[in-house]
Amino acid sequence: MEEFFVIGKRKLDKSWSLNDLYEPNNAFDYCEQILDIPEEYILDANMTSEGLEITLGYVEDEEDWYIQLKRVSQYNHILKTDII
């Protein structure tokens, strides 16, 4: 199961430029460096009008970074399926 998170723009670290986060590589870097999410869990990271959207692969343990991510984000479980 994949998990989907959205961090609103107001909750993002102010040391990063919002414009920079629209670049996919920078969004991934933010997830790794600021949110401490291990690279192997990050399936996708994009900046949208809603904020930073992060899709994670299956997370087994509730590690500190995961608990913090749930605190700062609008958290939803989702199961991705192909829509025809």
PDB file of N, CA and C in Angstrom:
ATOM      1  N   MET A   1       0.840  -1.176   0.000  1.00  0.00           N
ATOM      2  CA  MET A   1       0.000   0.000   0.000  1.00  0.00           C
ATOM      3  C   MET A   1       0.887   1.242   0.000  1.00  0.00           C
ATOM      4  N   GLU A   2       0.482   2.213  -0.758  1.00  0.00           N
ATOM      5  CA  GLU A   2       1.192   3.488  -0.797  1.00  0.00           C
ATOM      6  C   GLU A   2       0.476   4.477   0.116  1.00  0.00           C
ATOM      7  N   GLU A   3       1.238   5.398   0.659  1.00  0.00           N
ATOM      8  CA  GLU A   3       0.663   6.419   1.520  1.00  0.00           C
ATOM      9  C   GLU A   3       0.940   7.788   0.934  1.00  0.00           C
ATOM     10  N   PHE A   4      -0.053   8.655   1.058  1.00  0.00           N
ATOM     11  CA  PHE A   4      -0.011   9.964   0.435  1.00  0.00           C
ATOM     12  C   PHE A   4      -0.100  11.035   1.509  1.00  0.00           C
ATOM     13  N   PHE A   5       0.773  12.030   1.423  1.00  0.00           N
ATOM     14  CA  PHE A   5       0.809  13.126   2.380  1.00  0.00           C
ATOM     15  C   PHE A   5       0.847  14.446   1.625  1.00  0.00           C
ATOM     16  N   VAL A   6       0.245  15.469   2.200  1.00  0.00           N
ATOM     17  CA  VAL A   6       0.356  16.826   1.669  1.00  0.00           C
ATOM     18  C   VAL A   6       0.763  17.732   2.827  1.00  0.00           C
ATOM     19  N   ILE A   7       1.858  18.446   2.632  1.00  0.00           N
ATOM     20  CA  ILE A   7       2.289  19.429   3.620  1.00  0.00           C
ATOM     21  C   ILE A   7       1.972  20.797   3.043  1.00  0.00           C
ATOM     22  N   GLY A   8       1.105  21.520   3.724  1.00  0.00           N
ATOM     23  CA  GLY A   8       0.711  22.845   3.266  1.00  0.00           C
ATOM     24  C   GLY A   8       1.893  23.791   3.168  1.00  0.00           C
ATOM     25  N   LYS A   9       1.806  24.741   2.265  1.00  0.00           N
ATOM     26  CA  LYS A   9       2.917  25.673   2.019  1.00  0.00           C
ATOM     27  C   LYS A   9       3.343  26.413   3.282  1.00  0.00           C
ATOM     28  N   ARG A  10       2.403  26.729   4.143  1.00  0.00           N
ATOM     29  CA  ARG A  10       2.730  27.473   5.370  1.00  0.00           C
ATOM     30  C   ARG A  10       3.530  26.649   6.367  1.00  0.00           C
ATOM     31  N   LYS A  11       3.481  25.325   6.239  1.00  0.00           N
ATOM     32  CA  LYS A  11       4.197  24.456   7.166  1.00  0.00           C
ATOM     33  C   LYS A  11       5.578  24.051   6.662  1.00  0.00           C
ATOM     34  N   LEU A  12       5.933  24.456   5.455  1.00  0.00           N
ATOM     35  CA  LEU A  12       7.241  24.106   4.903  1.00  0.00           C
ATOM     36  C   LEU A  12       8.327  24.962   5.532  1.00  0.00           C
ATOM     37  N   ASP A  13       9.519  24.412   5.626  1.00  0.00           N
ATOM     38  CA  ASP A  13      10.669  25.101   6.189  1.00  0.00           C
ATOM     39  C   ASP A  13      10.961  26.357   5.369  1.00  0.00           C
ATOM     40  N   LYS A  14      11.023  27.481   6.040  1.00  0.00           N
ATOM     41  CA  LYS A  14      11.200  28.779   5.360  1.00  0.00           C
ATOM     42  C   LYS A  14      12.594  28.972   4.774  1.00  0.00           C
ATOM     43  N   SER A  15      13.532  28.098   5.134  1.00  0.00           N
ATOM     44  CA  SER A  15      14.879  28.237   4.579  1.00  0.00           C
ATOM     45  C   SER A  15      14.942  27.752   3.125  1.00  0.00           C
ATOM     46  N   TRP A  16      13.877  27.097   2.658  1.00  0.00           N
ATOM     47  CA  TRP A  16      13.793  26.635   1.273  1.00  0.00           C
ATOM     48  C   TRP A  16      12.835  27.543   0.507  1.00  0.00           C
ATOM     49  N   SER A  17      13.211  27.909  -0.695  1.00  0.00           N
ATOM     50  CA  SER A  17      12.347  28.703  -1.560  1.00  0.00           C
ATOM     51  C   SER A  17      11.230  27.814  -2.114  1.00  0.00           C
ATOM     52  N   LEU A  18       9.999  28.287  -2.028  1.00  0.00           N
ATOM     53  CA  LEU A  18       8.878  27.523  -2.574  1.00  0.00           C
ATOM     54  C   LEU A  18       9.070  27.275  -4.068  1.00  0.00           C
ATOM     55  N   ASN A  19       9.584  28.273  -4.773  1.00  0.00           N
ATOM     56  CA  ASN A  19       9.807  28.113  -6.215  1.00  0.00           C
ATOM     57  C   ASN A  19      10.789  26.984  -6.516  1.00  0.00           C
ATOM     58  N   ASP A  20      11.789  26.813  -5.669  1.00  0.00           N
ATOM     59  CA  ASP A  20      12.755  25.734  -5.866  1.00  0.00           C
ATOM     60  C   ASP A  20      12.108  24.357  -5.715  1.00  0.00           C
ATOM     61  N   LEU A  21      11.090  24.262  -4.869  1.00  0.00           N
ATOM     62  CA  LEU A  21      10.464  22.966  -4.619  1.00  0.00           C
ATOM     63  C   LEU A  21       9.612  22.482  -5.788  1.00  0.00           C
ATOM     64  N   TYR A  22       9.324  23.353  -6.745  1.00  0.00           N
ATOM     65  CA  TYR A  22       8.594  22.912  -7.938  1.00  0.00           C
ATOM     66  C   TYR A  22       9.468  22.052  -8.851  1.00  0.00           C
ATOM     67  N   GLU A  23      10.769  22.099  -8.640  1.00  0.00           N
ATOM     68  CA  GLU A  23      11.701  21.228  -9.366  1.00  0.00           C
ATOM     69  C   GLU A  23      11.696  19.873  -8.659  1.00  0.00           C
ATOM     70  N   PRO A  24      11.340  18.785  -9.356  1.00  0.00           N
ATOM     71  CA  PRO A  24      11.210  17.471  -8.695  1.00  0.00           C
ATOM     72  C   PRO A  24      12.422  17.029  -7.884  1.00  0.00           C
ATOM     73  N   ASN A  25      13.619  17.264  -8.395  1.00  0.00           N
ATOM     74  CA  ASN A  25      14.813  16.862  -7.638  1.00  0.00           C
ATOM     75  C   ASN A  25      14.909  17.605  -6.317  1.00  0.00           C
ATOM     76  N   ASN A  26      14.520  18.874  -6.314  1.00  0.00           N
ATOM     77  CA  ASN A  26      14.556  19.654  -5.078  1.00  0.00           C
ATOM     78  C   ASN A  26      13.495  19.172  -4.094  1.00  0.00           C
ATOM     79  N   ALA A  27      12.335  18.766  -4.597  1.00  0.00           N
ATOM     80  CA  ALA A  27      11.282  18.236  -3.725  1.00  0.00           C
ATOM     81  C   ALA A  27      11.773  16.951  -3.039  1.00  0.00           C
ATOM     82  N   PHE A  28      12.457  16.084  -3.792  1.00  0.00           N
ATOM     83  CA  PHE A  28      13.035  14.872  -3.201  1.00  0.00           C
ATOM     84  C   PHE A  28      14.088  15.224  -2.157  1.00  0.00           C
ATOM     85  N   ASP A  29      14.952  16.200  -2.495  1.00  0.00           N
ATOM     86  CA  ASP A  29      15.993  16.617  -1.550  1.00  0.00           C
ATOM     87  C   ASP A  29      15.382  17.148  -0.261  1.00  0.00           C
ATOM     88  N   TYR A  30      14.312  17.924  -0.373  1.00  0.00           N
ATOM     89  CA  TYR A  30      13.631  18.458   0.806  1.00  0.00           C
ATOM     90  C   TYR A  30      13.133  17.307   1.686  1.00  0.00           C
ATOM     91  N   CYS A  31      12.534  16.309   1.063  1.00  0.00           N
ATOM     92  CA  CYS A  31      12.025  15.149   1.809  1.00  0.00           C
ATOM     93  C   CYS A  31      13.144  14.440   2.565  1.00  0.00           C
ATOM     94  N   GLU A  32      14.280  14.294   1.928  1.00  0.00           N
ATOM     95  CA  GLU A  32      15.406  13.610   2.557  1.00  0.00           C
ATOM     96  C   GLU A  32      16.104  14.467   3.608  1.00  0.00           C
ATOM     97  N   GLN A  33      16.351  15.730   3.276  1.00  0.00           N
ATOM     98  CA  GLN A  33      17.179  16.568   4.139  1.00  0.00           C
ATOM     99  C   GLN A  33      16.397  17.216   5.282  1.00  0.00           C
ATOM    100  N   ILE A  34      15.224  17.712   5.009  1.00  0.00           N
ATOM    101  CA  ILE A  34      14.460  18.422   6.036  1.00  0.00           C
ATOM    102  C   ILE A  34      13.523  17.486   6.788  1.00  0.00           C
ATOM    103  N   LEU A  35      12.862  16.595   6.066  1.00  0.00           N
ATOM    104  CA  LEU A  35      11.892  15.692   6.699  1.00  0.00           C
ATOM    105  C   LEU A  35      12.524  14.373   7.146  1.00  0.00           C
ATOM    106  N   ASP A  36      13.783  14.149   6.785  1.00  0.00           N
ATOM    107  CA  ASP A  36      14.534  12.942   7.164  1.00  0.00           C
ATOM    108  C   ASP A  36      13.885  11.642   6.692  1.00  0.00           C
ATOM    109  N   ILE A  37      13.200  11.688   5.558  1.00  0.00           N
ATOM    110  CA  ILE A  37      12.586  10.480   5.008  1.00  0.00           C
ATOM    111  C   ILE A  37      13.662   9.705   4.249  1.00  0.00           C
ATOM    112  N   PRO A  38      13.861   8.438   4.599  1.00  0.00           N
ATOM    113  CA  PRO A  38      14.840   7.649   3.857  1.00  0.00           C
ATOM    114  C   PRO A  38      14.447   7.540   2.375  1.00  0.00           C
ATOM    115  N   GLU A  39      15.429   7.678   1.516  1.00  0.00           N
ATOM    116  CA  GLU A  39      15.216   7.696   0.067  1.00  0.00           C
ATOM    117  C   GLU A  39      14.416   6.491  -0.426  1.00  0.00           C
ATOM    118  N   GLU A  40      14.640   5.332   0.153  1.00  0.00           N
ATOM    119  CA  GLU A  40      13.988   4.121  -0.338  1.00  0.00           C
ATOM    120  C   GLU A  40      12.467   4.118  -0.155  1.00  0.00           C
ATOM    121  N   TYR A  41      11.937   4.984   0.707  1.00  0.00           N
ATOM    122  CA  TYR A  41      10.491   5.044   0.914  1.00  0.00           C
ATOM    123  C   TYR A  41       9.787   6.030  -0.022  1.00  0.00           C
ATOM    124  N   ILE A  42      10.534   6.966  -0.596  1.00  0.00           N
ATOM    125  CA  ILE A  42       9.925   8.032  -1.399  1.00  0.00           C
ATOM    126  C   ILE A  42       9.662   7.531  -2.819  1.00  0.00           C
ATOM    127  N   LEU A  43       8.393   7.459  -3.177  1.00  0.00           N
ATOM    128  CA  LEU A  43       8.024   7.076  -4.535  1.00  0.00           C
ATOM    129  C   LEU A  43       7.853   8.295  -5.421  1.00  0.00           C
ATOM    130  N   ASP A  44       7.343   9.395  -4.825  1.00  0.00           N
ATOM    131  CA  ASP A  44       7.102  10.608  -5.600  1.00  0.00           C
ATOM    132  C   ASP A  44       7.057  11.796  -4.654  1.00  0.00           C
ATOM    133  N   ALA A  45       7.512  12.943  -5.126  1.00  0.00           N
ATOM    134  CA  ALA A  45       7.442  14.192  -4.367  1.00  0.00           C
ATOM    135  C   ALA A  45       7.297  15.329  -5.364  1.00  0.00           C
ATOM    136  N   ASN A  46       6.232  16.125  -5.215  1.00  0.00           N
ATOM    137  CA  ASN A  46       5.983  17.270  -6.101  1.00  0.00           C
ATOM    138  C   ASN A  46       5.400  18.424  -5.310  1.00  0.00           C
ATOM    139  N   MET A  47       5.710  19.593  -5.770  1.00  0.00           N
ATOM    140  CA  MET A  47       5.102  20.799  -5.222  1.00  0.00           C
ATOM    141  C   MET A  47       3.908  21.143  -6.096  1.00  0.00           C
ATOM    142  N   THR A  48       2.751  21.369  -5.476  1.00  0.00           N
ATOM    143  CA  THR A  48       1.541  21.752  -6.203  1.00  0.00           C
ATOM    144  C   THR A  48       0.944  22.988  -5.539  1.00  0.00           C
ATOM    145  N   SER A  49      -0.184  23.430  -6.035  1.00  0.00           N
ATOM    146  CA  SER A  49      -0.846  24.583  -5.430  1.00  0.00           C
ATOM    147  C   SER A  49      -1.313  24.281  -4.007  1.00  0.00           C
ATOM    148  N   GLU A  50      -1.494  23.002  -3.679  1.00  0.00           N
ATOM    149  CA  GLU A  50      -1.916  22.594  -2.329  1.00  0.00           C
ATOM    150  C   GLU A  50      -0.742  22.546  -1.348  1.00  0.00           C
ATOM    151  N   GLY A  51       0.454  22.314  -1.858  1.00  0.00           N
ATOM    152  CA  GLY A  51       1.631  22.173  -1.014  1.00  0.00           C
ATOM    153  C   GLY A  51       2.524  21.067  -1.540  1.00  0.00           C
ATOM    154  N   LEU A  52       3.379  20.552  -0.687  1.00  0.00           N
ATOM    155  CA  LEU A  52       4.287  19.480  -1.077  1.00  0.00           C
ATOM    156  C   LEU A  52       3.559  18.148  -0.950  1.00  0.00           C
ATOM    157  N   GLU A  53       3.388  17.468  -2.072  1.00  0.00           N
ATOM    158  CA  GLU A  53       2.712  16.174  -2.086  1.00  0.00           C
ATOM    159  C   GLU A  53       3.784  15.085  -2.116  1.00  0.00           C
ATOM    160  N   ILE A  54       3.653  14.140  -1.188  1.00  0.00           N
ATOM    161  CA  ILE A  54       4.643  13.076  -1.042  1.00  0.00           C
ATOM    162  C   ILE A  54       3.918  11.738  -1.081  1.00  0.00           C
ATOM    163  N   THR A  55       4.406  10.836  -1.910  1.00  0.00           N
ATOM    164  CA  THR A  55       3.874   9.475  -1.946  1.00  0.00           C
ATOM    165  C   THR A  55       4.978   8.542  -1.471  1.00  0.00           C
ATOM    166  N   LEU A  56       4.657   7.761  -0.454  1.00  0.00           N
ATOM    167  CA  LEU A  56       5.614   6.823   0.113  1.00  0.00           C
ATOM    168  C   LEU A  56       5.197   5.398  -0.177  1.00  0.00           C
ATOM    169  N   GLY A  57       6.189   4.529  -0.307  1.00  0.00           N
ATOM    170  CA  GLY A  57       5.916   3.104  -0.377  1.00  0.00           C
ATOM    171  C   GLY A  57       5.583   2.607   1.014  1.00  0.00           C
ATOM    172  N   TYR A  58       5.371   1.342   1.148  1.00  0.00           N
ATOM    173  CA  TYR A  58       4.974   0.740   2.418  1.00  0.00           C
ATOM    174  C   TYR A  58       5.999   1.026   3.513  1.00  0.00           C
ATOM    175  N   VAL A  59       5.522   1.558   4.626  1.00  0.00           N
ATOM    176  CA  VAL A  59       6.375   1.841   5.781  1.00  0.00           C
ATOM    177  C   VAL A  59       5.995   0.860   6.883  1.00  0.00           C
ATOM    178  N   GLU A  60       6.939   0.035   7.301  1.00  0.00           N
ATOM    179  CA  GLU A  60       6.662  -0.976   8.317  1.00  0.00           C
ATOM    180  C   GLU A  60       6.657  -0.413   9.732  1.00  0.00           C
ATOM    181  N   ASP A  61       7.642   0.342  10.082  1.00  0.00           N
ATOM    182  CA  ASP A  61       7.803   0.831  11.439  1.00  0.00           C
ATOM    183  C   ASP A  61       7.399   2.289  11.537  1.00  0.00           C
ATOM    184  N   GLU A  62       6.893   2.655  12.686  1.00  0.00           N
ATOM    185  CA  GLU A  62       6.589   4.063  12.902  1.00  0.00           C
ATOM    186  C   GLU A  62       7.814   4.727  13.524  1.00  0.00           C
ATOM    187  N   GLU A  63       8.749   5.055  12.672  1.00  0.00           N
ATOM    188  CA  GLU A  63       9.977   5.714  13.097  1.00  0.00           C
ATOM    189  C   GLU A  63       9.697   7.193  13.354  1.00  0.00           C
ATOM    190  N   ASP A  64      10.666   7.877  13.970  1.00  0.00           N
ATOM    191  CA  ASP A  64      10.490   9.289  14.329  1.00  0.00           C
ATOM    192  C   ASP A  64      10.118  10.149  13.122  1.00  0.00           C
ATOM    193  N   TRP A  65      10.802   9.944  11.994  1.00  0.00           N
ATOM    194  CA  TRP A  65      10.530  10.765  10.808  1.00  0.00           C
ATOM    195  C   TRP A  65       9.091  10.559  10.329  1.00  0.00           C
ATOM    196  N   TYR A  66       8.585   9.341  10.457  1.00  0.00           N
ATOM    197  CA  TYR A  66       7.238   9.011   9.995  1.00  0.00           C
ATOM    198  C   TYR A  66       6.186   9.657  10.903  1.00  0.00           C
ATOM    199  N   ILE A  67       6.407   9.590  12.194  1.00  0.00           N
ATOM    200  CA  ILE A  67       5.491  10.214  13.151  1.00  0.00           C
ATOM    201  C   ILE A  67       5.450  11.722  12.933  1.00  0.00           C
ATOM    202  N   GLN A  68       6.619  12.329  12.738  1.00  0.00           N
ATOM    203  CA  GLN A  68       6.687  13.770  12.492  1.00  0.00           C
ATOM    204  C   GLN A  68       5.985  14.142  11.184  1.00  0.00           C
ATOM    205  N   LEU A  69       6.155  13.333  10.157  1.00  0.00           N
ATOM    206  CA  LEU A  69       5.501  13.594   8.879  1.00  0.00           C
ATOM    207  C   LEU A  69       3.985  13.592   9.050  1.00  0.00           C
ATOM    208  N   LYS A  70       3.462  12.659   9.815  1.00  0.00           N
ATOM    209  CA  LYS A  70       2.018  12.612  10.057  1.00  0.00           C
ATOM    210  C   LYS A  70       1.543  13.834  10.830  1.00  0.00           C
ATOM    211  N   ARG A  71       2.384  14.378  11.700  1.00  0.00           N
ATOM    212  CA  ARG A  71       2.018  15.569  12.494  1.00  0.00           C
ATOM    213  C   ARG A  71       1.928  16.823  11.631  1.00  0.00           C
ATOM    214  N   VAL A  72       2.858  16.992  10.698  1.00  0.00           N
ATOM    215  CA  VAL A  72       2.920  18.241   9.937  1.00  0.00           C
ATOM    216  C   VAL A  72       2.106  18.214   8.650  1.00  0.00           C
ATOM    217  N   SER A  73       1.567  17.056   8.297  1.00  0.00           N
ATOM    218  CA  SER A  73       0.883  16.948   7.012  1.00  0.00           C
ATOM    219  C   SER A  73      -0.593  16.645   7.182  1.00  0.00           C
ATOM    220  N   GLN A  74      -1.268  16.776   6.059  1.00  0.00           N
ATOM    221  CA  GLN A  74      -2.625  16.275   5.952  1.00  0.00           C
ATOM    222  C   GLN A  74      -2.430  14.853   5.455  1.00  0.00           C
ATOM    223  N   TYR A  75      -2.726  13.881   6.272  1.00  0.00           N
ATOM    224  CA  TYR A  75      -2.336  12.489   6.038  1.00  0.00           C
ATOM    225  C   TYR A  75      -3.509  11.685   5.532  1.00  0.00           C
ATOM    226  N   ASN A  76      -3.282  10.892   4.504  1.00  0.00           N
ATOM    227  CA  ASN A  76      -4.306  10.001   3.967  1.00  0.00           C
ATOM    228  C   ASN A  76      -3.668   8.696   3.534  1.00  0.00           C
ATOM    229  N   HIS A  77      -4.322   7.592   3.839  1.00  0.00           N
ATOM    230  CA  HIS A  77      -3.938   6.302   3.256  1.00  0.00           C
ATOM    231  C   HIS A  77      -4.594   6.218   1.894  1.00  0.00           C
ATOM    232  N   ILE A  78      -3.875   5.762   0.912  1.00  0.00           N
ATOM    233  CA  ILE A  78      -4.489   5.535  -0.392  1.00  0.00           C
ATOM    234  C   ILE A  78      -3.927   4.257  -0.974  1.00  0.00           C
ATOM    235  N   LEU A  79      -4.713   3.628  -1.766  1.00  0.00           N
ATOM    236  CA  LEU A  79      -4.249   2.474  -2.541  1.00  0.00           C
ATOM    237  C   LEU A  79      -4.344   2.893  -3.984  1.00  0.00           C
ATOM    238  N   LYS A  80      -3.211   3.011  -4.646  1.00  0.00           N
ATOM    239  CA  LYS A  80      -3.212   3.439  -6.047  1.00  0.00           C
ATOM    240  C   LYS A  80      -3.665   2.304  -6.946  1.00  0.00           C
ATOM    241  N   THR A  81      -4.598   2.599  -7.817  1.00  0.00           N
ATOM    242  CA  THR A  81      -5.031   1.633  -8.817  1.00  0.00           C
ATOM    243  C   THR A  81      -5.119   2.348 -10.159  1.00  0.00           C
ATOM    244  N   ASP A  82      -5.009   1.597 -11.193  1.00  0.00           N
ATOM    245  CA  ASP A  82      -5.151   2.170 -12.529  1.00  0.00           C
ATOM    246  C   ASP A  82      -6.638   2.351 -12.828  1.00  0.00           C
ATOM    247  N   ILE A  83      -6.996   3.523 -13.308  1.00  0.00           N
ATOM    248  CA  ILE A  83      -8.376   3.802 -13.689  1.00  0.00           C
ATOM    249  C   ILE A  83      -8.446   3.759 -15.199  1.00  0.00           C
ATOM    250  N   ILE A  84      -9.370   2.974 -15.708  1.00  0.00           N
ATOM    251  CA  ILE A  84      -9.498   2.815 -17.171  1.00  0.00           C
ATOM    252  C   ILE A  84     -10.560   3.746 -17.678  1.00  0.00           C
TER     253      ILE A  84
END
